[in-house]
C-alpha atoms as a PDB file:
ATOM      1  CA  MET A   1       0.000   0.000   0.000  1.00  0.00           C
ATOM      2  CA  ILE A   2       1.385   3.413  -0.972  1.00  0.00           C
ATOM      3  CA  MET A   3       1.647   5.872   1.868  1.00  0.00           C
ATOM      4  CA  ALA A   4       0.227   9.320   1.118  1.00  0.00           C
ATOM      5  CA  LEU A   5       2.713  12.144   1.456  1.00  0.00           C
ATOM      6  CA  GLU A   6       1.881  14.144   4.539  1.00  0.00           C
ATOM      7  CA  THR A   7       2.803  17.786   4.215  1.00  0.00           C
ATOM      8  CA  SER A   8       1.626  20.894   5.973  1.00  0.00           C
ATOM      9  CA  LEU A   9       3.681  23.332   3.955  1.00  0.00           C
ATOM     10  CA  PRO A  10       1.849  26.689   3.907  1.00  0.00           C
ATOM     11  CA  ARG A  11       3.992  27.981   1.066  1.00  0.00           C
ATOM     12  CA  THR A  12       6.846  26.936  -1.169  1.00  0.00           C
ATOM     13  CA  ARG A  13      10.122  28.598  -2.005  1.00  0.00           C
ATOM     14  CA  TYR A  14       9.914  27.742  -5.688  1.00  0.00           C
ATOM     15  CA  GLN A  15       6.964  28.183  -8.025  1.00  0.00           C
ATOM     16  CA  ARG A  16       8.400  26.496 -11.131  1.00  0.00           C
ATOM     17  CA  ILE A  17      10.871  23.615 -10.983  1.00  0.00           C
ATOM     18  CA  LEU A  18      12.475  21.041 -13.234  1.00  0.00           C
ATOM     19  CA  LEU A  19      12.710  17.584 -11.660  1.00  0.00           C
ATOM     20  CA  LYS A  20      15.310  15.182 -13.075  1.00  0.00           C
ATOM     21  CA  LEU A  21      14.684  11.486 -12.445  1.00  0.00           C
ATOM     22  CA  SER A  22      17.000   8.690 -13.473  1.00  0.00           C
ATOM     23  CA  GLY A  23      15.553   5.704 -15.273  1.00  0.00           C
ATOM     24  CA  GLU A  24      17.204   3.500 -12.663  1.00  0.00           C
ATOM     25  CA  ALA A  25      14.981   5.100 -10.011  1.00  0.00           C
ATOM     26  CA  LEU A  26      12.025   3.236 -11.537  1.00  0.00           C
ATOM     27  CA  MET A  27      13.599  -0.211 -11.200  1.00  0.00           C
ATOM     28  CA  GLY A  28      13.243  -0.612  -7.454  1.00  0.00           C
ATOM     29  CA  LYS A  29      15.100  -3.824  -6.573  1.00  0.00           C
ATOM     30  CA  GLN A  30      14.675  -5.283 -10.042  1.00  0.00           C
ATOM     31  CA  ASP A  31      17.612  -5.742 -12.411  1.00  0.00           C
ATOM     32  CA  PHE A  32      15.880  -3.752 -15.152  1.00  0.00           C
ATOM     33  CA  GLY A  33      12.490  -2.441 -16.215  1.00  0.00           C
ATOM     34  CA  ILE A  34       9.843  -0.647 -14.179  1.00  0.00           C
ATOM     35  CA  ASP A  35       8.688  -1.552 -10.674  1.00  0.00           C
ATOM     36  CA  VAL A  36       5.013  -0.559 -10.624  1.00  0.00           C
ATOM     37  CA  GLU A  37       4.903   0.028  -6.873  1.00  0.00           C
ATOM     38  CA  VAL A  38       7.986   2.256  -7.017  1.00  0.00           C
ATOM     39  CA  ILE A  39       6.718   4.390  -9.904  1.00  0.00           C
ATOM     40  CA  HIS A  40       3.382   4.925  -8.128  1.00  0.00           C
ATOM     41  CA  LYS A  41       5.199   5.947  -4.954  1.00  0.00           C
ATOM     42  CA  ILE A  42       7.263   8.481  -6.908  1.00  0.00           C
ATOM     43  CA  ALA A  43       4.122   9.735  -8.641  1.00  0.00           C
ATOM     44  CA  ALA A  44       2.385  10.219  -5.280  1.00  0.00           C
ATOM     45  CA  GLU A  45       5.221  12.427  -4.039  1.00  0.00           C
ATOM     46  CA  ILE A  46       5.261  14.483  -7.236  1.00  0.00           C
ATOM     47  CA  HIS A  47       1.470  14.838  -7.162  1.00  0.00           C
ATOM     48  CA  ALA A  48       1.567  16.064  -3.560  1.00  0.00           C
ATOM     49  CA  VAL A  49       4.031  18.818  -4.467  1.00  0.00           C
ATOM     50  CA  HIS A  50       2.088  19.691  -7.607  1.00  0.00           C
ATOM     51  CA  SER A  51      -1.052  20.025  -5.458  1.00  0.00           C
ATOM     52  CA  LEU A  52       0.675  22.860  -3.597  1.00  0.00           C
ATOM     53  CA  GLY A  53       0.532  24.910  -6.804  1.00  0.00           C
ATOM     54  CA  VAL A  54       4.107  24.280  -7.917  1.00  0.00           C
ATOM     55  CA  GLN A  55       4.627  24.153 -11.687  1.00  0.00           C
ATOM     56  CA  ILE A  56       6.634  21.024 -12.469  1.00  0.00           C
ATOM     57  CA  GLY A  57       8.540  19.952 -15.553  1.00  0.00           C
ATOM     58  CA  ILE A  58      10.128  16.496 -15.485  1.00  0.00           C
ATOM     59  CA  VAL A  59      12.992  14.951 -17.417  1.00  0.00           C
ATOM     60  CA  ILE A  60      13.488  11.206 -17.020  1.00  0.00           C
ATOM     61  CA  GLY A  61      16.363   8.971 -18.085  1.00  0.00           C
ATOM     62  CA  GLY A  62      16.204   5.565 -19.737  1.00  0.00           C
ATOM     63  CA  GLY A  63      18.947   3.504 -18.092  1.00  0.00           C
ATOM     64  CA  ASN A  64      16.509   0.993 -16.625  1.00  0.00           C
ATOM     65  CA  ILE A  65      15.544  -0.099 -20.132  1.00  0.00           C
ATOM     66  CA  PHE A  66      18.539   0.595 -22.345  1.00  0.00           C
ATOM     67  CA  ARG A  67      21.188  -0.769 -19.960  1.00  0.00           C
ATOM     68  CA  GLY A  68      18.819  -3.403 -18.625  1.00  0.00           C
ATOM     69  CA  PHE A  69      18.754  -5.207 -21.951  1.00  0.00           C
ATOM     70  CA  GLY A  70      22.537  -5.325 -21.953  1.00  0.00           C
ATOM     71  CA  VAL A  71      22.884  -3.013 -24.934  1.00  0.00           C
ATOM     72  CA  ASN A  72      26.239  -1.280 -24.931  1.00  0.00           C
ATOM     73  CA  ALA A  73      27.469   0.386 -28.096  1.00  0.00           C
ATOM     74  CA  ASP A  74      31.123  -0.253 -27.287  1.00  0.00           C
ATOM     75  CA  SER A  75      30.921  -3.918 -26.296  1.00  0.00           C
ATOM     76  CA  LYS A  76      28.089  -5.178 -28.506  1.00  0.00           C
ATOM     77  CA  GLY A  77      29.170  -3.716 -31.824  1.00  0.00           C
ATOM     78  CA  ILE A  78      26.226  -1.324 -32.109  1.00  0.00           C
ATOM     79  CA  ASP A  79      26.917   1.965 -33.824  1.00  0.00           C
ATOM     80  CA  GLU A  80      27.327   4.602 -31.111  1.00  0.00           C
ATOM     81  CA  THR A  81      24.970   7.118 -32.686  1.00  0.00           C
ATOM     82  CA  GLN A  82      22.336   4.425 -33.127  1.00  0.00           C
ATOM     83  CA  GLY A  83      22.790   3.483 -29.471  1.00  0.00           C
ATOM     84  CA  HIS A  84      22.076   7.049 -28.401  1.00  0.00           C
ATOM     85  CA  TYR A  85      18.817   7.064 -30.339  1.00  0.00           C
ATOM     86  CA  MET A  86      17.860   3.779 -28.696  1.00  0.00           C
ATOM     87  CA  GLY A  87      18.449   5.392 -25.313  1.00  0.00           C
ATOM     88  CA  MET A  88      16.224   8.336 -26.263  1.00  0.00           C
ATOM     89  CA  LEU A  89      13.385   5.960 -27.098  1.00  0.00           C
ATOM     90  CA  ALA A  90      13.838   4.283 -23.719  1.00  0.00           C
ATOM     91  CA  THR A  91      13.124   7.619 -22.046  1.00  0.00           C
ATOM     92  CA  VAL A  92       9.843   7.837 -23.963  1.00  0.00           C
ATOM     93  CA  ILE A  93       8.740   4.483 -22.505  1.00  0.00           C
ATOM     94  CA  ASN A  94       9.521   5.739 -19.008  1.00  0.00           C
ATOM     95  CA  ALA A  95       7.748   9.041 -19.643  1.00  0.00           C
ATOM     96  CA  LEU A  96       4.570   7.236 -20.683  1.00  0.00           C
ATOM     97  CA  ALA A  97       4.731   4.999 -17.610  1.00  0.00           C
ATOM     98  CA  LEU A  98       5.210   8.008 -15.325  1.00  0.00           C
ATOM     99  CA  GLN A  99       2.381   9.862 -17.074  1.00  0.00           C
ATOM    100  CA  ASP A 100       0.046   6.947 -16.385  1.00  0.00           C
ATOM    101  CA  ALA A 101       1.087   6.792 -12.726  1.00  0.00           C
ATOM    102  CA  LEU A 102       0.645  10.556 -12.263  1.00  0.00           C
ATOM    103  CA  GLU A 103      -2.778  10.571 -13.878  1.00  0.00           C
ATOM    104  CA  LYS A 104      -3.872   7.759 -11.554  1.00  0.00           C
ATOM    105  CA  GLN A 105      -2.972  10.163  -8.719  1.00  0.00           C
ATOM    106  CA  GLY A 106      -5.213  12.819 -10.258  1.00  0.00           C
ATOM    107  CA  SER A 107      -2.641  15.029 -11.975  1.00  0.00           C
ATOM    108  CA  PHE A 108      -3.194  16.450 -15.450  1.00  0.00           C
ATOM    109  CA  THR A 109      -0.137  15.760 -17.586  1.00  0.00           C
ATOM    110  CA  ARG A 110       1.420  16.160 -20.995  1.00  0.00           C
ATOM    111  CA  VAL A 111       4.358  14.264 -22.485  1.00  0.00           C
ATOM    112  CA  GLN A 112       6.468  16.204 -24.988  1.00  0.00           C
ATOM    113  CA  THR A 113       9.180  14.460 -26.978  1.00  0.00           C
ATOM    114  CA  ALA A 114      12.260  15.935 -28.628  1.00  0.00           C
ATOM    115  CA  ILE A 115      11.840  13.322 -31.383  1.00  0.00           C
ATOM    116  CA  PRO A 116       8.332  13.640 -32.890  1.00  0.00           C
ATOM    117  CA  ILE A 117       6.143  10.631 -32.047  1.00  0.00           C
ATOM    118  CA  GLU A 118       2.780  12.300 -32.478  1.00  0.00           C
ATOM    119  CA  LYS A 119       0.695   9.142 -32.048  1.00  0.00           C
ATOM    120  CA  ILE A 120       1.593   9.003 -28.361  1.00  0.00           C
ATOM    121  CA  ALA A 121       2.912  12.430 -27.324  1.00  0.00           C
ATOM    122  CA  GLU A 122       3.217  16.061 -28.322  1.00  0.00           C
ATOM    123  CA  PRO A 123       6.369  17.293 -30.043  1.00  0.00           C
ATOM    124  CA  TYR A 124       8.420  19.554 -27.797  1.00  0.00           C
ATOM    125  CA  ILE A 125       7.394  23.182 -28.290  1.00  0.00           C
ATOM    126  CA  ARG A 126       8.753  25.569 -25.691  1.00  0.00           C
ATOM    127  CA  ARG A 127       5.860  28.039 -25.611  1.00  0.00           C
ATOM    128  CA  LYS A 128       3.316  25.239 -25.495  1.00  0.00           C
ATOM    129  CA  ALA A 129       5.172  23.601 -22.603  1.00  0.00           C
ATOM    130  CA  ILE A 130       5.128  26.855 -20.647  1.00  0.00           C
ATOM    131  CA  ARG A 131       1.429  27.278 -21.340  1.00  0.00           C
ATOM    132  CA  HIS A 132       0.748  23.775 -20.038  1.00  0.00           C
ATOM    133  CA  LEU A 133       2.629  24.623 -16.843  1.00  0.00           C
ATOM    134  CA  GLU A 134       0.663  27.844 -16.429  1.00  0.00           C
ATOM    135  CA  LYS A 135      -2.562  25.858 -16.778  1.00  0.00           C
ATOM    136  CA  GLY A 136      -1.551  23.536 -13.975  1.00  0.00           C
ATOM    137  CA  ARG A 137      -0.392  20.559 -16.029  1.00  0.00           C
ATOM    138  CA  LEU A 138       2.685  18.504 -15.306  1.00  0.00           C
ATOM    139  CA  VAL A 139       4.929  18.330 -18.371  1.00  0.00           C
ATOM    140  CA  ILE A 140       7.209  15.335 -18.892  1.00  0.00           C
ATOM    141  CA  PHE A 141      10.011  15.963 -21.379  1.00  0.00           C
ATOM    142  CA  ALA A 142      11.220  12.814 -23.140  1.00  0.00           C
ATOM    143  CA  ALA A 143      13.789  11.777 -25.774  1.00  0.00           C
ATOM    144  CA  GLY A 144      16.538  13.909 -24.272  1.00  0.00           C
ATOM    145  CA  THR A 145      17.556  16.833 -26.446  1.00  0.00           C
ATOM    146  CA  GLY A 146      16.633  14.921 -29.608  1.00  0.00           C
ATOM    147  CA  ASN A 147      20.313  14.696 -30.515  1.00  0.00           C
ATOM    148  CA  PRO A 148      22.881  11.939 -29.924  1.00  0.00           C
ATOM    149  CA  TYR A 149      25.857  12.458 -27.589  1.00  0.00           C
ATOM    150  CA  PHE A 150      23.910  14.576 -25.093  1.00  0.00           C
ATOM    151  CA  SER A 151      22.890  13.097 -21.749  1.00  0.00           C
ATOM    152  CA  THR A 152      19.486  13.411 -20.110  1.00  0.00           C
ATOM    153  CA  ASP A 153      21.244  15.539 -17.468  1.00  0.00           C
ATOM    154  CA  THR A 154      22.090  18.029 -20.207  1.00  0.00           C
ATOM    155  CA  ALA A 155      18.506  17.749 -21.476  1.00  0.00           C
ATOM    156  CA  ALA A 156      17.256  18.517 -17.959  1.00  0.00           C
ATOM    157  CA  VAL A 157      19.365  21.669 -17.683  1.00  0.00           C
ATOM    158  CA  LEU A 158      18.371  22.748 -21.189  1.00  0.00           C
ATOM    159  CA  ARG A 159      14.645  22.326 -20.511  1.00  0.00           C
ATOM    160  CA  ALA A 160      14.977  24.044 -17.126  1.00  0.00           C
ATOM    161  CA  VAL A 161      16.570  27.068 -18.778  1.00  0.00           C
ATOM    162  CA  GLU A 162      14.044  27.097 -21.616  1.00  0.00           C
ATOM    163  CA  ILE A 163      10.961  27.008 -19.377  1.00  0.00           C
ATOM    164  CA  GLY A 164      12.401  29.472 -16.862  1.00  0.00           C
ATOM    165  CA  ALA A 165      12.592  27.043 -13.935  1.00  0.00           C
ATOM    166  CA  GLU A 166      13.879  28.594 -10.721  1.00  0.00           C
ATOM    167  CA  VAL A 167      15.766  25.468  -9.714  1.00  0.00           C
ATOM    168  CA  LEU A 168      16.664  22.014 -10.982  1.00  0.00           C
ATOM    169  CA  LEU A 169      16.024  19.167  -8.557  1.00  0.00           C
ATOM    170  CA  LYS A 170      18.002  16.012  -9.293  1.00  0.00           C
ATOM    171  CA  ALA A 171      16.705  12.969  -7.433  1.00  0.00           C
ATOM    172  CA  THR A 172      19.408  10.305  -7.073  1.00  0.00           C
ATOM    173  CA  LYS A 173      20.332   7.135  -5.200  1.00  0.00           C
ATOM    174  CA  VAL A 174      22.682   8.961  -2.816  1.00  0.00           C
ATOM    175  CA  ASP A 175      22.289  11.700  -0.194  1.00  0.00           C
ATOM    176  CA  GLY A 176      23.937  14.389  -2.281  1.00  0.00           C
ATOM    177  CA  VAL A 177      27.324  15.304  -3.737  1.00  0.00           C
ATOM    178  CA  TYR A 178      30.387  13.695  -2.144  1.00  0.00           C
ATOM    179  CA  SER A 179      34.075  14.495  -2.469  1.00  0.00           C
ATOM    180  CA  ALA A 180      34.568  10.880  -3.623  1.00  0.00           C
ATOM    181  CA  ASP A 181      32.521   7.739  -4.070  1.00  0.00           C
ATOM    182  CA  PRO A 182      31.252   6.972  -0.529  1.00  0.00           C
ATOM    183  CA  ARG A 183      30.908   3.284  -1.426  1.00  0.00           C
ATOM    184  CA  GLN A 184      34.645   3.095  -2.025  1.00  0.00           C
ATOM    185  CA  GLU A 185      36.000   5.709   0.403  1.00  0.00           C
ATOM    186  CA  SER A 186      34.551   5.794   3.910  1.00  0.00           C
ATOM    187  CA  SER A 187      36.150   9.217   4.478  1.00  0.00           C
ATOM    188  CA  ALA A 188      34.281  10.808   1.560  1.00  0.00           C
ATOM    189  CA  GLU A 189      32.769  14.167   2.558  1.00  0.00           C
ATOM    190  CA  LEU A 190      29.155  15.081   1.821  1.00  0.00           C
ATOM    191  CA  TYR A 191      28.959  18.679   0.648  1.00  0.00           C
ATOM    192  CA  LYS A 192      26.026  20.718   1.931  1.00  0.00           C
ATOM    193  CA  THR A 193      26.728  23.487  -0.574  1.00  0.00           C
ATOM    194  CA  ILE A 194      29.070  23.769  -3.532  1.00  0.00           C
ATOM    195  CA  SER A 195      29.303  26.060  -6.540  1.00  0.00           C
ATOM    196  CA  LEU A 196      28.695  24.893 -10.084  1.00  0.00           C
ATOM    197  CA  SER A 197      32.203  26.039 -11.017  1.00  0.00           C
ATOM    198  CA  ASP A 198      33.777  23.991  -8.210  1.00  0.00           C
ATOM    199  CA  ALA A 199      31.746  20.921  -9.127  1.00  0.00           C
ATOM    200  CA  LEU A 200      32.863  21.312 -12.731  1.00  0.00           C
ATOM    201  CA  HIS A 201      36.546  21.863 -11.944  1.00  0.00           C
ATOM    202  CA  ARG A 202      36.707  19.035  -9.382  1.00  0.00           C
ATOM    203  CA  LYS A 203      34.899  16.665 -11.749  1.00  0.00           C
ATOM    204  CA  LEU A 204      32.467  15.678  -9.021  1.00  0.00           C
ATOM    205  CA  ALA A 205      29.702  13.186  -9.795  1.00  0.00           C
ATOM    206  CA  VAL A 206      26.912  15.769 -10.015  1.00  0.00           C
ATOM    207  CA  MET A 207      26.232  15.812 -13.746  1.00  0.00           C
ATOM    208  CA  ASP A 208      28.333  15.619 -16.873  1.00  0.00           C
ATOM    209  CA  ALA A 209      30.505  18.609 -17.768  1.00  0.00           C
ATOM    210  CA  THR A 210      28.213  19.836 -20.549  1.00  0.00           C
ATOM    211  CA  ALA A 211      25.229  19.977 -18.180  1.00  0.00           C
ATOM    212  CA  LEU A 212      27.216  21.717 -15.438  1.00  0.00           C
ATOM    213  CA  ALA A 213      28.668  24.305 -17.820  1.00  0.00           C
ATOM    214  CA  LEU A 214      25.223  25.095 -19.238  1.00  0.00           C
ATOM    215  CA  ALA A 215      23.773  25.488 -15.734  1.00  0.00           C
ATOM    216  CA  ARG A 216      26.660  27.721 -14.679  1.00  0.00           C
ATOM    217  CA  ASP A 217      26.361  29.921 -17.751  1.00  0.00           C
ATOM    218  CA  HIS A 218      22.631  30.415 -17.109  1.00  0.00           C
ATOM    219  CA  HIS A 219      22.896  30.773 -13.315  1.00  0.00           C
ATOM    220  CA  LEU A 220      20.646  27.780 -12.669  1.00  0.00           C
ATOM    221  CA  PRO A 221      20.833  26.472  -9.084  1.00  0.00           C
ATOM    222  CA  MET A 222      20.471  22.742  -8.391  1.00  0.00           C
ATOM    223  CA  ILE A 223      19.559  20.574  -5.453  1.00  0.00           C
ATOM    224  CA  ILE A 224      20.888  17.011  -5.480  1.00  0.00           C
ATOM    225  CA  PHE A 225      19.133  14.674  -3.031  1.00  0.00           C
ATOM    226  CA  LYS A 226      18.148  11.082  -2.307  1.00  0.00           C
ATOM    227  CA  LEU A 227      14.853  10.135  -3.930  1.00  0.00           C
ATOM    228  CA  SER A 228      14.103   7.165  -1.681  1.00  0.00           C
ATOM    229  CA  SER A 229      13.909   9.357   1.449  1.00  0.00           C
ATOM    230  CA  HIS A 230      10.162   9.958   1.728  1.00  0.00           C
ATOM    231  CA  GLY A 231       9.140  13.611   1.337  1.00  0.00           C
ATOM    232  CA  ASN A 232      12.473  14.926   0.028  1.00  0.00           C
ATOM    233  CA  ILE A 233      10.918  16.493  -3.075  1.00  0.00           C
ATOM    234  CA  ALA A 234       8.474  18.484  -0.939  1.00  0.00           C
ATOM    235  CA  ARG A 235      11.208  19.497   1.499  1.00  0.00           C
ATOM    236  CA  ALA A 236      13.470  20.698  -1.319  1.00  0.00           C
ATOM    237  CA  VAL A 237      10.658  22.747  -2.878  1.00  0.00           C
ATOM    238  CA  ALA A 238       9.872  24.256   0.532  1.00  0.00           C
ATOM    239  CA  GLY A 239      13.455  25.519   0.801  1.00  0.00           C
ATOM    240  CA  GLU A 240      14.628  23.127   3.501  1.00  0.00           C
ATOM    241  CA  MET A 241      18.265  22.000   3.469  1.00  0.00           C
ATOM    242  CA  VAL A 242      18.068  18.677   1.670  1.00  0.00           C
ATOM    243  CA  GLY A 243      21.019  16.918   0.082  1.00  0.00           C
ATOM    244  CA  THR A 244      23.506  19.242  -1.612  1.00  0.00           C
ATOM    245  CA  GLN A 245      22.746  22.778  -2.777  1.00  0.00           C
ATOM    246  CA  VAL A 246      24.703  23.479  -5.974  1.00  0.00           C
ATOM    247  CA  GLU A 247      24.804  27.232  -6.398  1.00  0.00           C
ATOM    248  CA  PRO A 248      25.651  29.235  -9.543  1.00  0.00           C
ATOM    249  CA  GLU A 249      28.539  30.966  -7.769  1.00  0.00           C
END
């Protein structure tokens, strides 16, 4: 049974956000694919925040499907560009699954894809996306940027900048940004705050360099936090100190 998100937040710090979810977040304890209970739990948390009046855009990865089938362009002899397009299509599958879960919670949603697939989703149009947000609809952005060689992290920053999001929330498997991999180094330090420039120069595992540089150039703050901690999305939107705050400067 999915626990409802209890929140008594009278107001929120942010009115328009971009939430980045990894495809792996949908797997639960499975080796690949989508865990239905997990995706409904995530949808319940997003719906609760959306019910506070927050405008939410979402970018979701595809690693639970693309990597789950063992497809690797380098090791399996698949053309690298072709592999990137396969990954983009995986994000569309996840977007449709998340849309279904959100609508079962009562949210009104739209999926927009960077690669036109008009039978199942709208093509990405910036002004239309903003209008959906203004009308109280959740917008899920799929298929990355529509171009190979760009990660969904870069797509998340790009969409955040385009829709005028005040902050990018990246929900991950870890508590925030560490000085090193905490699974390998017990002395690794969890940063409460760090600048985008420092994260870029230190090559910390926040996002890829392209995404970090784009966020820095457009002064887009980020919050990196653990998705599995119940209520973290709501706490981040309320302005509480959750995970790591990655500031423009």
